[in-house]
Amino acid sequence: VHLVEAGGGSVQAGGSLRLSCAASGYPFSLYCMGWFRQAPGKEREGVAIISPSGRTTYYADSVKGRFTISRDNAKNTLSLPMNSLKPEDTATFYCAASHWRGTDCERSPDDVVYWGQGTQVTVSS
C-alpha cells in the first residue's frame, strides 16, 4: 500500500495551496479517504473526509468554506484545494484511508487503516 502526498509548501496568510494524494495497492474506491493534520505539540486531527462514492464529505469546523476535498476513483487520487490559509493551518498534512461503515466513514485517527508519509504546510502571517 502506498499513499503519496504532494503539494505542500510555504505561503503567506490568505494564500492557497492544493494537496494531492496518489494511492495504490488497495481497492481505493471502497475506502473513505481523508486528510488529517498534526501541528507541533498537538494531536493529529481530521480535516476533511470523503466517502467512497464521493457523495458525502465531512469537514472540521475550522476549515469549512476554505478547503474542499474531492476524489477521482478512476485515477485513485485525492485532492484538497486550500484557500484563505491562516497561520493556524500550519501543520504536517497526511493522506489517509479508513473504512466505510454503511452510513458513515470512520473519522478518528485511531481508525485510519493506511497513512501517507505527510507533507508540510507552513502559513506565515
Protein backbone atom coordinates (compact mmCIF):
# COMPACT_ATOMS: atom_id res chain seq x y z
CA VAL A 1 0.00 0.00 0.00
CA HIS A 2 1.24 3.44 -0.91
CA LEU A 3 -0.25 6.85 -0.23
CA VAL A 4 1.94 9.61 -1.63
CA GLU A 5 1.13 13.22 -0.87
CA ALA A 6 2.25 16.23 -2.85
CA GLY A 7 1.58 19.94 -2.93
CA GLY A 8 2.68 21.16 0.46
CA GLY A 9 4.78 24.27 0.82
CA SER A 10 5.05 27.71 2.35
CA VAL A 11 2.61 30.53 1.71
CA GLN A 12 1.56 33.78 3.28
CA ALA A 13 -1.71 34.12 5.11
CA GLY A 14 -4.59 34.39 2.67
CA GLY A 15 -2.82 32.31 0.07
CA SER A 16 -3.73 28.96 -1.43
CA LEU A 17 -2.24 25.52 -1.81
CA ARG A 18 -3.52 22.32 -3.37
CA LEU A 19 -2.66 18.99 -1.79
CA SER A 20 -2.91 15.77 -3.74
CA CYS A 21 -2.56 12.12 -2.84
CA ALA A 22 -1.89 9.19 -5.15
CA ALA A 23 -2.98 5.83 -3.77
CA SER A 24 -2.06 2.31 -4.81
CA GLY A 25 -2.03 -1.24 -3.51
CA TYR A 26 -5.59 -1.48 -2.20
CA PRO A 27 -9.15 -1.04 -3.56
CA PHE A 28 -9.23 2.74 -3.38
CA SER A 29 -12.89 3.10 -4.36
CA LEU A 30 -14.04 1.01 -1.40
CA TYR A 31 -12.45 3.19 1.27
CA CYS A 32 -13.19 6.52 2.82
CA MET A 33 -10.34 8.90 2.21
CA GLY A 34 -9.31 11.85 4.23
CA TRP A 35 -6.80 14.49 5.16
CA PHE A 36 -5.53 14.75 8.71
CA ARG A 37 -3.05 17.23 10.09
CA GLN A 38 -0.76 17.50 13.06
CA ALA A 39 0.83 20.66 14.33
CA PRO A 40 3.82 20.59 16.71
CA GLY A 41 2.69 19.77 20.21
CA LYS A 42 -0.85 18.99 19.14
CA GLU A 43 -2.80 15.84 18.47
CA ARG A 44 -3.48 14.66 14.95
CA GLU A 45 -6.91 15.82 13.80
CA GLY A 46 -9.20 15.11 10.90
CA VAL A 47 -9.50 17.99 8.46
CA ALA A 48 -11.66 16.63 5.65
CA ILE A 49 -13.01 13.17 4.85
CA ILE A 50 -14.88 11.85 1.84
CA SER A 51 -16.99 8.74 1.40
CA PRO A 52 -16.05 6.02 -1.10
CA SER A 53 -18.53 7.33 -3.67
CA GLY A 54 -17.57 10.94 -3.08
CA ARG A 55 -21.16 11.89 -2.31
CA THR A 56 -20.59 12.57 1.39
CA THR A 57 -17.96 14.86 2.83
CA TYR A 58 -17.03 15.91 6.34
CA TYR A 59 -15.03 18.96 7.38
CA ALA A 60 -13.54 20.23 10.57
CA ASP A 61 -15.28 23.45 11.58
CA SER A 62 -12.00 25.31 11.31
CA VAL A 63 -11.70 24.66 7.56
CA LYS A 64 -15.31 24.76 6.37
CA GLY A 65 -15.71 27.09 3.43
CA ARG A 66 -11.96 27.23 2.81
CA PHE A 67 -10.97 23.63 1.99
CA THR A 68 -12.69 21.29 -0.48
CA ILE A 69 -12.00 17.56 -0.58
CA SER A 70 -12.54 15.55 -3.75
CA ARG A 71 -11.55 12.18 -5.17
CA ASP A 72 -11.17 10.53 -8.54
CA ASN A 73 -11.83 6.82 -8.21
CA ALA A 74 -10.76 6.18 -11.80
CA LYS A 75 -7.31 7.60 -11.07
CA ASN A 76 -7.02 6.63 -7.38
CA THR A 77 -6.33 10.20 -6.39
CA LEU A 78 -7.46 12.52 -3.63
CA SER A 79 -7.26 16.32 -3.68
CA LEU A 80 -7.56 19.14 -1.21
CA PRO A 81 -7.53 22.69 -2.54
CA MET A 82 -6.96 25.01 0.40
CA ASN A 83 -7.87 28.68 0.19
CA SER A 84 -7.66 31.61 2.58
CA LEU A 85 -4.93 29.86 4.51
CA LYS A 86 -4.23 31.01 8.06
CA PRO A 87 -1.13 30.68 10.23
CA GLU A 88 -3.05 28.22 12.40
CA ASP A 89 -3.29 25.89 9.39
CA THR A 90 0.45 25.28 9.68
CA ALA A 91 0.93 21.53 10.16
CA THR A 92 2.01 18.31 8.57
CA PHE A 93 -0.87 17.07 6.44
CA TYR A 94 -1.46 13.35 5.96
CA CYS A 95 -3.49 11.48 3.39
CA ALA A 96 -5.34 8.57 4.98
CA ALA A 97 -7.77 5.74 4.28
CA SER A 98 -10.44 4.41 6.60
CA HIS A 99 -13.42 2.10 6.45
CA TRP A 100 -16.93 2.95 5.34
CA ARG A 101 -19.41 1.52 7.83
CA GLY A 102 -22.54 1.58 5.72
CA THR A 103 -23.77 5.02 6.67
CA ASP A 104 -20.67 6.85 7.77
CA CYS A 105 -16.92 6.97 7.47
CA GLU A 106 -14.69 6.11 10.36
CA ARG A 107 -13.22 9.50 11.11
CA SER A 108 -10.96 9.12 14.09
CA PRO A 109 -7.18 8.99 13.56
CA ASP A 110 -7.29 5.76 15.59
CA ASP A 111 -9.49 4.19 12.90
CA VAL A 112 -7.24 5.02 9.96
CA VAL A 113 -6.07 1.93 8.11
CA TYR A 114 -3.45 3.45 5.82
CA TRP A 115 -1.38 6.62 6.20
CA GLY A 116 0.73 8.63 3.81
CA GLN A 117 4.11 9.97 4.82
CA GLY A 118 2.87 13.54 5.24
CA THR A 119 3.54 16.86 3.57
CA GLN A 120 4.37 20.09 5.36
CA VAL A 121 2.17 23.18 5.04
CA THR A 122 3.51 26.39 6.51
CA VAL A 123 1.48 29.60 6.55
CA SER A 124 3.22 32.79 7.60
CA SER A 125 1.49 35.91 8.87
